[in-house]
N, C-alpha and C. Protein backbone atom coordinates (compact mmCIF):
# COMPACT_ATOMS: atom_id res chain seq x y z
N MET A 1 151.92 97.34 50.87
CA MET A 1 151.96 96.73 52.17
C MET A 1 151.15 97.48 53.33
N HIS A 2 151.28 99.09 53.19
CA HIS A 2 150.73 99.68 53.89
C HIS A 2 149.58 100.06 53.67
N SER A 3 148.65 100.07 52.29
CA SER A 3 147.90 100.87 51.77
C SER A 3 146.60 99.85 52.13
N GLN A 4 146.87 98.52 52.86
CA GLN A 4 145.67 97.65 52.61
C GLN A 4 146.05 97.19 54.33
N THR A 5 146.43 97.67 55.17
CA THR A 5 146.41 97.29 56.09
C THR A 5 146.17 99.00 57.04
N ARG A 6 145.96 99.84 55.89
CA ARG A 6 144.93 101.09 56.55
C ARG A 6 143.72 101.01 56.42
N PRO A 7 142.82 100.28 55.41
CA PRO A 7 141.63 100.04 55.57
C PRO A 7 141.09 99.08 56.91
N ALA A 8 142.05 98.04 57.05
CA ALA A 8 141.36 96.99 57.93
C ALA A 8 141.71 97.61 59.21
N THR A 9 142.56 98.93 59.10
CA THR A 9 142.93 99.53 60.73
C THR A 9 141.26 99.94 60.87
N THR A 10 141.04 100.94 59.81
CA THR A 10 139.38 101.68 59.77
C THR A 10 138.47 100.88 59.89
N ALA A 11 138.50 99.82 59.84
CA ALA A 11 137.13 98.87 59.72
C ALA A 11 137.11 98.33 61.54
N GLY A 12 138.49 98.09 61.49
CA GLY A 12 137.97 97.69 63.18
C GLY A 12 137.66 98.59 64.00
N CYS A 13 138.07 100.16 63.72
CA CYS A 13 137.99 100.94 64.86
C CYS A 13 136.29 101.14 64.67
N PHE A 14 136.48 101.33 63.39
CA PHE A 14 134.31 101.29 63.10
C PHE A 14 133.45 100.08 63.65
N ALA A 15 134.44 98.99 63.60
CA ALA A 15 133.48 98.30 64.62
C ALA A 15 133.27 97.93 65.66
N THR A 16 134.43 98.52 66.39
CA THR A 16 134.66 99.04 67.80
C THR A 16 133.57 99.72 68.36
N HIS A 17 133.66 101.28 67.55
CA HIS A 17 132.68 102.40 67.79
C HIS A 17 130.99 101.33 67.60
N ALA A 18 131.77 101.03 66.19
CA ALA A 18 129.50 100.55 66.68
C ALA A 18 129.24 99.73 67.66
N ALA A 19 130.29 98.58 67.78
CA ALA A 19 130.17 97.93 69.23
C ALA A 19 129.47 98.85 70.47
N ILE A 20 130.49 99.82 70.51
CA ILE A 20 130.27 100.50 71.88
C ILE A 20 128.87 101.43 71.95
N ALA A 21 128.50 102.43 70.68
CA ALA A 21 127.30 102.01 70.67
C ALA A 21 126.07 101.81 71.06
N LEU A 22 126.19 100.42 70.86
CA LEU A 22 125.07 99.53 71.05
C LEU A 22 124.98 99.40 71.82
N VAL A 23 126.06 98.69 72.98
CA VAL A 23 125.85 98.67 73.67
C VAL A 23 125.19 99.93 74.97
N GLY A 24 125.76 101.39 73.83
CA GLY A 24 125.56 101.84 75.22
C GLY A 24 123.71 101.94 74.96
N VAL A 25 123.77 101.85 73.82
CA VAL A 25 121.71 101.76 73.07
C VAL A 25 120.74 101.07 74.11
N GLN A 26 121.78 99.35 74.42
CA GLN A 26 120.73 98.70 75.31
C GLN A 26 121.20 98.70 76.24
N THR A 27 122.08 99.50 76.86
CA THR A 27 122.47 99.77 78.84
C THR A 27 120.96 100.74 78.94
N GLU A 28 120.65 102.04 77.82
CA GLU A 28 119.86 102.65 78.77
C GLU A 28 118.36 102.51 78.25
N ALA A 29 118.29 101.25 77.22
CA ALA A 29 117.00 100.50 77.13
C ALA A 29 116.51 99.63 78.03
N GLN A 30 117.80 99.23 79.12
CA GLN A 30 117.49 98.47 80.26
C GLN A 30 117.65 99.12 81.27
N LEU A 31 117.86 100.34 81.20
CA LEU A 31 116.99 101.14 82.62
C LEU A 31 116.39 101.69 82.07
N GLN A 32 115.53 102.31 81.43
CA GLN A 32 114.26 102.11 81.45
C GLN A 32 113.34 101.81 81.24
N ALA A 33 113.73 100.42 80.81
CA ALA A 33 112.51 99.52 81.43
C ALA A 33 112.70 98.83 82.63
N THR A 34 113.56 99.12 83.45
CA THR A 34 114.11 98.64 84.96
C THR A 34 113.23 100.27 85.67
N ILE A 35 112.97 101.09 85.49
CA ILE A 35 112.78 102.24 85.57
C ILE A 35 111.00 101.98 85.58
N GLU A 36 110.44 101.90 84.73
CA GLU A 36 109.35 101.57 83.85
C GLU A 36 108.37 100.72 85.21
N THR A 37 109.58 99.74 85.45
CA THR A 37 109.33 98.52 86.44
C THR A 37 109.02 99.10 87.54
N ARG A 38 110.16 99.56 88.23
CA ARG A 38 109.64 100.10 89.18
C ARG A 38 109.01 101.47 89.82
N ASP A 39 108.40 101.98 88.66
CA ASP A 39 107.31 102.87 88.66
C ASP A 39 105.73 102.14 88.71
N LEU A 40 105.87 100.97 88.21
CA LEU A 40 104.79 100.27 88.04
C LEU A 40 104.46 99.71 89.41
N ILE A 41 105.30 98.83 90.09
CA ILE A 41 105.51 98.16 91.13
C ILE A 41 104.84 99.14 92.40
N GLY A 42 105.62 100.34 91.89
CA GLY A 42 105.09 101.70 93.09
C GLY A 42 103.89 101.69 93.25
N MET A 43 102.80 102.06 92.28
CA MET A 43 101.62 101.98 91.85
C MET A 43 100.68 100.81 92.58
N ALA A 44 101.18 99.56 92.34
CA ALA A 44 100.58 98.78 91.81
C ALA A 44 100.65 98.60 93.95
N LYS A 45 101.77 98.93 94.79
CA LYS A 45 101.98 99.04 96.51
C LYS A 45 101.33 99.74 96.15
N THR A 46 100.98 101.10 96.12
CA THR A 46 100.24 101.83 96.29
C THR A 46 98.78 101.97 96.47
N ILE A 47 97.80 101.31 95.25
CA ILE A 47 96.70 100.96 95.57
C ILE A 47 96.32 99.81 96.44
N LEU A 48 96.88 98.61 97.04
CA LEU A 48 97.16 97.55 97.34
C LEU A 48 97.72 98.11 98.94
N MET A 49 98.11 99.17 99.50
CA MET A 49 98.40 100.01 100.80
C MET A 49 96.80 100.79 101.18
N GLN A 50 96.15 101.11 99.89
CA GLN A 50 95.30 102.49 99.76
C GLN A 50 94.43 101.00 100.30
N ARG A 51 93.85 99.81 99.41
CA ARG A 51 92.80 99.38 99.65
C ARG A 51 92.77 98.53 100.69
N HIS A 52 93.73 98.16 101.20
CA HIS A 52 93.66 97.21 101.91
C HIS A 52 94.37 96.90 103.58
N ASP A 53 94.65 98.67 103.17
CA ASP A 53 95.48 98.94 104.88
C ASP A 53 96.56 98.35 105.21
N LEU A 54 97.97 98.37 103.98
CA LEU A 54 98.72 97.68 104.23
C LEU A 54 100.13 98.72 104.82
N ASP A 55 101.00 98.51 104.93
CA ASP A 55 102.15 99.40 104.70
C ASP A 55 103.16 98.97 103.55
N SER A 56 104.35 99.82 103.25
CA SER A 56 105.14 99.26 101.83
C SER A 56 105.24 97.93 101.64
N ALA A 57 105.90 97.39 103.08
CA ALA A 57 106.31 96.04 103.32
C ALA A 57 105.49 94.89 102.79
N SER A 58 104.74 95.02 103.49
CA SER A 58 103.47 94.72 103.12
C SER A 58 103.08 94.27 102.29
N ALA A 59 102.71 95.12 101.04
CA ALA A 59 101.59 95.61 99.91
C ALA A 59 103.19 95.08 98.83
N PHE A 60 104.22 94.99 98.90
CA PHE A 60 105.23 94.47 98.11
C PHE A 60 105.13 93.34 98.66
N ARG A 61 104.90 92.46 99.32
CA ARG A 61 105.11 91.07 99.64
C ARG A 61 104.01 90.36 98.96
N LEU A 62 103.17 90.92 99.29
CA LEU A 62 101.89 90.68 98.17
C LEU A 62 101.76 90.07 97.09
N LEU A 63 102.50 90.86 96.55
CA LEU A 63 102.58 91.19 95.16
C LEU A 63 103.73 89.74 94.85
N VAL A 64 104.98 89.70 95.48
CA VAL A 64 105.98 88.57 95.64
C VAL A 64 105.33 87.49 95.47
N GLU A 65 104.44 87.13 96.77
CA GLU A 65 103.74 85.99 96.97
C GLU A 65 103.16 85.94 95.57
N ALA A 66 102.17 87.12 95.15
CA ALA A 66 100.75 86.56 93.63
C ALA A 66 102.06 86.07 92.60
N SER A 67 102.78 86.62 92.59
CA SER A 67 103.61 85.93 91.27
C SER A 67 103.64 84.42 90.90
N PRO A 68 104.51 83.83 91.96
CA PRO A 68 104.70 81.90 91.39
C PRO A 68 102.86 81.44 91.67
N ASN A 69 101.80 82.12 93.00
CA ASN A 69 101.08 81.82 92.80
C ASN A 69 100.13 81.64 91.66
N ALA A 70 100.72 82.74 91.01
CA ALA A 70 99.60 83.37 89.06
C ALA A 70 100.41 82.61 88.48
N ASN A 71 101.23 81.77 88.72
CA ASN A 71 102.49 82.10 87.74
C ASN A 71 102.73 83.02 86.61
N VAL A 72 103.30 84.12 87.09
CA VAL A 72 103.29 85.06 86.38
C VAL A 72 104.49 86.07 87.09
N LYS A 73 105.03 87.15 86.19
CA LYS A 73 106.12 87.90 86.94
C LYS A 73 106.02 89.08 87.51
N LEU A 74 106.63 89.53 88.32
CA LEU A 74 106.22 90.47 88.98
C LEU A 74 105.59 91.53 88.35
N ASN A 75 106.39 92.41 87.41
CA ASN A 75 106.00 93.19 86.85
C ASN A 75 104.72 93.24 86.13
N GLU A 76 103.92 91.98 86.02
CA GLU A 76 103.18 91.64 85.10
C GLU A 76 101.87 91.26 86.19
N VAL A 77 102.17 91.22 87.64
CA VAL A 77 101.54 91.03 88.78
C VAL A 77 101.17 92.22 89.11
N ALA A 78 102.35 92.96 89.04
CA ALA A 78 102.05 94.61 89.45
C ALA A 78 100.84 95.31 88.02
N ALA A 79 101.30 95.20 86.92
CA ALA A 79 100.72 95.72 85.80
C ALA A 79 98.87 95.53 85.93
N TRP A 80 98.69 94.00 86.23
CA TRP A 80 97.22 93.71 85.95
C TRP A 80 96.35 93.88 87.71
N THR A 81 97.05 94.71 88.28
CA THR A 81 96.87 95.43 89.91
C THR A 81 96.78 96.62 89.31
N VAL A 82 97.56 97.54 88.92
CA VAL A 82 97.28 98.82 88.24
C VAL A 82 95.79 98.39 87.28
N GLU A 83 96.59 97.49 86.06
CA GLU A 83 94.74 98.25 85.25
C GLU A 83 93.55 97.81 85.86
N HIS A 84 93.51 96.64 86.56
CA HIS A 84 92.29 96.45 87.62
C HIS A 84 92.02 97.06 88.67
N ARG A 85 92.61 98.30 89.13
CA ARG A 85 92.48 99.32 90.49
C ARG A 85 90.90 100.00 90.37
N ARG A 86 90.61 99.72 89.49
CA ARG A 86 88.32 100.06 89.50
C ARG A 86 87.97 99.15 90.37
N ASP A 87 88.00 97.86 89.51
CA ASP A 87 87.11 96.50 89.78
C ASP A 87 86.86 96.23 91.68
N ARG A 88 85.78 95.93 91.77
CA ARG A 88 86.44 95.88 93.33
C ARG A 88 85.62 93.86 93.54
N THR A 89 86.19 93.34 94.49
CA THR A 89 85.96 91.84 94.15
C THR A 89 85.50 91.63 95.18
C-alpha cells in the first residue's frame, strides 16, 4: 500500500506546483496588461491636455465620458485617441 500512495502524493504535489506556477503567470500577464492600459490612458490624456488646454483630471473625465457615449471600453477610447492623434477635426 505504501508504494501506491507515493505516486499519488507525488502527482498531487506536482499538480499543486503547476497550479501555483499557472496563477503566477496569469497574475504577471494581468499586471502587464494593466500597466500597458495605464500607459495608454496616460498618453491619451497628454494628447487631450495639449490639444484642448486641459488639466489632467479634465482630460481623464473627457475620456471617461466618451467611453459610454461611444459604447466602447475606456482603454479602446484611449487607443483610438493615440492612434488618431495626428488627425485634425
